[in-house]
Amino acid sequence: MCLQSGFPMQPLGPMRAAEQACTRIMEYAPGCYTRHERSLLPEQCLTKEQSLNAITSASATHLGCEGGKLQVGGQANFVHLSDDPLATSHCFRDLAIINCYSNVTS
């Protein structure tokens, strides 16, 4: 599964997309629904691991980017976050992006 946004009509950052895949909470028109009614098919929620995979490895595969293992002489792209998204109780969207690294040679 690959998560994406409906940009430019509905821009949605990747961490927010991952969060919504975990909670399935509809955020639009909150006055029209009770808190429990805003959760869209909660049995279809992804785990944190599944949703993070959907915005990283699965997205790269969908775009035709070859992924592999980090090895000597290889290159990597990665994002430094303010906290471990799997270990924190914070919402994914509350994690700050400290820095992005592209084509880093190991």
C-alpha atoms as a PDB file:
ATOM      1  CA  MET A   1       0.000   0.000   0.000  1.00  0.00           C
ATOM      2  CA  CYS A   2       1.275   3.451  -0.921  1.00  0.00           C
ATOM      3  CA  LEU A   3      -0.093   6.623   0.681  1.00  0.00           C
ATOM      4  CA  GLN A   4      -0.292   9.864  -1.283  1.00  0.00           C
ATOM      5  CA  SER A   5      -2.211  13.115  -1.153  1.00  0.00           C
ATOM      6  CA  GLY A   6      -4.628  14.742  -3.559  1.00  0.00           C
ATOM      7  CA  PHE A   7      -2.191  17.625  -4.072  1.00  0.00           C
ATOM      8  CA  PRO A   8      -2.720  20.401  -5.090  1.00  0.00           C
ATOM      9  CA  MET A   9      -6.427  20.256  -4.252  1.00  0.00           C
ATOM     10  CA  GLN A  10      -5.934  18.640  -0.838  1.00  0.00           C
ATOM     11  CA  PRO A  11      -2.274  18.948   0.132  1.00  0.00           C
ATOM     12  CA  LEU A  12      -1.453  16.453   2.853  1.00  0.00           C
ATOM     13  CA  GLY A  13       2.032  15.973   4.248  1.00  0.00           C
ATOM     14  CA  PRO A  14       3.357  12.413   4.434  1.00  0.00           C
ATOM     15  CA  MET A  15       3.424  12.319   8.254  1.00  0.00           C
ATOM     16  CA  ARG A  16      -0.176  13.523   8.392  1.00  0.00           C
ATOM     17  CA  ALA A  17      -1.187  10.917   5.816  1.00  0.00           C
ATOM     18  CA  ALA A  18       0.490   8.224   7.943  1.00  0.00           C
ATOM     19  CA  GLU A  19      -1.311   9.498  11.047  1.00  0.00           C
ATOM     20  CA  GLN A  20      -4.693   9.453   9.351  1.00  0.00           C
ATOM     21  CA  ALA A  21      -4.081   5.925   8.092  1.00  0.00           C
ATOM     22  CA  CYS A  22      -3.573   4.884  11.732  1.00  0.00           C
ATOM     23  CA  THR A  23      -6.611   6.693  13.139  1.00  0.00           C
ATOM     24  CA  ARG A  24      -8.996   6.968  10.146  1.00  0.00           C
ATOM     25  CA  ILE A  25     -10.468  10.104  11.775  1.00  0.00           C
ATOM     26  CA  MET A  26     -12.210  12.484   9.384  1.00  0.00           C
ATOM     27  CA  GLU A  27     -11.134  16.019  10.235  1.00  0.00           C
ATOM     28  CA  TYR A  28     -13.410  17.949   7.933  1.00  0.00           C
ATOM     29  CA  ALA A  29     -16.835  19.143   9.115  1.00  0.00           C
ATOM     30  CA  PRO A  30     -16.255  18.186  12.777  1.00  0.00           C
ATOM     31  CA  GLY A  31     -19.533  19.849  13.793  1.00  0.00           C
ATOM     32  CA  CYS A  32     -21.472  17.379  11.629  1.00  0.00           C
ATOM     33  CA  TYR A  33     -20.266  14.258  13.396  1.00  0.00           C
ATOM     34  CA  THR A  34     -19.771  13.089  16.942  1.00  0.00           C
ATOM     35  CA  ARG A  35     -16.251  12.004  17.901  1.00  0.00           C
ATOM     36  CA  HIS A  36     -17.158   8.334  17.394  1.00  0.00           C
ATOM     37  CA  GLU A  37     -18.853   8.958  14.040  1.00  0.00           C
ATOM     38  CA  ARG A  38     -15.729  10.698  12.690  1.00  0.00           C
ATOM     39  CA  SER A  39     -13.717   7.471  12.733  1.00  0.00           C
ATOM     40  CA  LEU A  40     -14.163   6.017   9.251  1.00  0.00           C
ATOM     41  CA  LEU A  41     -14.142   2.199   9.332  1.00  0.00           C
ATOM     42  CA  PRO A  42     -11.794   1.851  12.335  1.00  0.00           C
ATOM     43  CA  GLU A  43     -11.283  -1.853  11.582  1.00  0.00           C
ATOM     44  CA  GLN A  44      -9.287  -0.745   8.533  1.00  0.00           C
ATOM     45  CA  CYS A  45      -6.741   1.296  10.523  1.00  0.00           C
ATOM     46  CA  LEU A  46      -3.132   0.575   9.685  1.00  0.00           C
ATOM     47  CA  THR A  47      -0.544  -0.003  12.374  1.00  0.00           C
ATOM     48  CA  LYS A  48       2.123   2.659  12.841  1.00  0.00           C
ATOM     49  CA  GLU A  49       4.624   0.366  11.116  1.00  0.00           C
ATOM     50  CA  GLN A  50       2.317  -0.206   8.130  1.00  0.00           C
ATOM     51  CA  SER A  51       1.536   3.480   7.693  1.00  0.00           C
ATOM     52  CA  LEU A  52       5.203   4.521   7.906  1.00  0.00           C
ATOM     53  CA  ASN A  53       6.087   1.851   5.344  1.00  0.00           C
ATOM     54  CA  ALA A  54       3.348   3.213   3.083  1.00  0.00           C
ATOM     55  CA  ILE A  55       4.960   6.693   3.013  1.00  0.00           C
ATOM     56  CA  THR A  56       8.551   5.426   2.683  1.00  0.00           C
ATOM     57  CA  SER A  57       9.474   2.085   1.109  1.00  0.00           C
ATOM     58  CA  ALA A  58       6.144   1.435  -0.584  1.00  0.00           C
ATOM     59  CA  SER A  59       6.070   4.949  -2.034  1.00  0.00           C
ATOM     60  CA  ALA A  60       9.608   4.575  -3.371  1.00  0.00           C
ATOM     61  CA  THR A  61       8.688   1.253  -4.984  1.00  0.00           C
ATOM     62  CA  HIS A  62       5.549   2.814  -6.488  1.00  0.00           C
ATOM     63  CA  LEU A  63       7.675   5.589  -8.016  1.00  0.00           C
ATOM     64  CA  GLY A  64      10.120   3.045  -9.430  1.00  0.00           C
ATOM     65  CA  CYS A  65      12.975   3.944  -7.079  1.00  0.00           C
ATOM     66  CA  GLU A  66      15.162   1.003  -6.326  1.00  0.00           C
ATOM     67  CA  GLY A  67      15.469   0.377  -2.619  1.00  0.00           C
ATOM     68  CA  GLY A  68      17.938  -1.841  -0.931  1.00  0.00           C
ATOM     69  CA  LYS A  69      20.206  -2.198   2.006  1.00  0.00           C
ATOM     70  CA  LEU A  70      22.613   0.449   3.134  1.00  0.00           C
ATOM     71  CA  GLN A  71      26.106  -0.721   2.310  1.00  0.00           C
ATOM     72  CA  VAL A  72      29.597   0.704   1.990  1.00  0.00           C
ATOM     73  CA  GLY A  73      29.754   2.990  -1.016  1.00  0.00           C
ATOM     74  CA  GLY A  74      25.968   3.129  -1.301  1.00  0.00           C
ATOM     75  CA  GLN A  75      23.759   6.200  -1.135  1.00  0.00           C
ATOM     76  CA  ALA A  76      20.764   6.943   1.054  1.00  0.00           C
ATOM     77  CA  ASN A  77      18.062   9.551   1.539  1.00  0.00           C
ATOM     78  CA  PHE A  78      16.659   9.988   5.019  1.00  0.00           C
ATOM     79  CA  VAL A  79      14.814  12.352   7.329  1.00  0.00           C
ATOM     80  CA  HIS A  80      15.889  13.223  10.878  1.00  0.00           C
ATOM     81  CA  LEU A  81      12.766  13.547  13.063  1.00  0.00           C
ATOM     82  CA  SER A  82      12.466  15.079  16.529  1.00  0.00           C
ATOM     83  CA  ASP A  83      11.335  11.772  18.050  1.00  0.00           C
ATOM     84  CA  ASP A  84      10.901   8.096  17.213  1.00  0.00           C
ATOM     85  CA  PRO A  85       7.485   7.877  15.514  1.00  0.00           C
ATOM     86  CA  LEU A  86       7.014   4.285  16.675  1.00  0.00           C
ATOM     87  CA  ALA A  87       7.870   4.964  20.311  1.00  0.00           C
ATOM     88  CA  THR A  88       6.119   8.282  20.873  1.00  0.00           C
ATOM     89  CA  SER A  89       2.520   8.797  21.879  1.00  0.00           C
ATOM     90  CA  HIS A  90       2.475  12.115  19.981  1.00  0.00           C
ATOM     91  CA  CYS A  91       0.625  12.508  16.722  1.00  0.00           C
ATOM     92  CA  PHE A  92       2.853  11.964  13.709  1.00  0.00           C
ATOM     93  CA  ARG A  93       2.152  15.493  12.512  1.00  0.00           C
ATOM     94  CA  ASP A  94       3.533  16.892  15.785  1.00  0.00           C
ATOM     95  CA  LEU A  95       6.974  15.453  15.084  1.00  0.00           C
ATOM     96  CA  ALA A  96       9.355  18.111  13.833  1.00  0.00           C
ATOM     97  CA  ILE A  97      11.579  17.493  10.836  1.00  0.00           C
ATOM     98  CA  ILE A  98      15.071  18.377  12.005  1.00  0.00           C
ATOM     99  CA  ASN A  99      16.771  17.883   8.643  1.00  0.00           C
ATOM    100  CA  CYS A 100      16.510  16.016   5.352  1.00  0.00           C
ATOM    101  CA  TYR A 101      19.501  14.294   3.810  1.00  0.00           C
ATOM    102  CA  SER A 102      19.700  13.321   0.167  1.00  0.00           C
ATOM    103  CA  ASN A 103      22.188  11.073  -1.632  1.00  0.00           C
ATOM    104  CA  VAL A 104      24.382  10.606   1.429  1.00  0.00           C
ATOM    105  CA  THR A 105      27.279   8.240   0.703  1.00  0.00           C
ATOM    106  CA  SER A 106      27.992   5.676   3.407  1.00  0.00           C
END
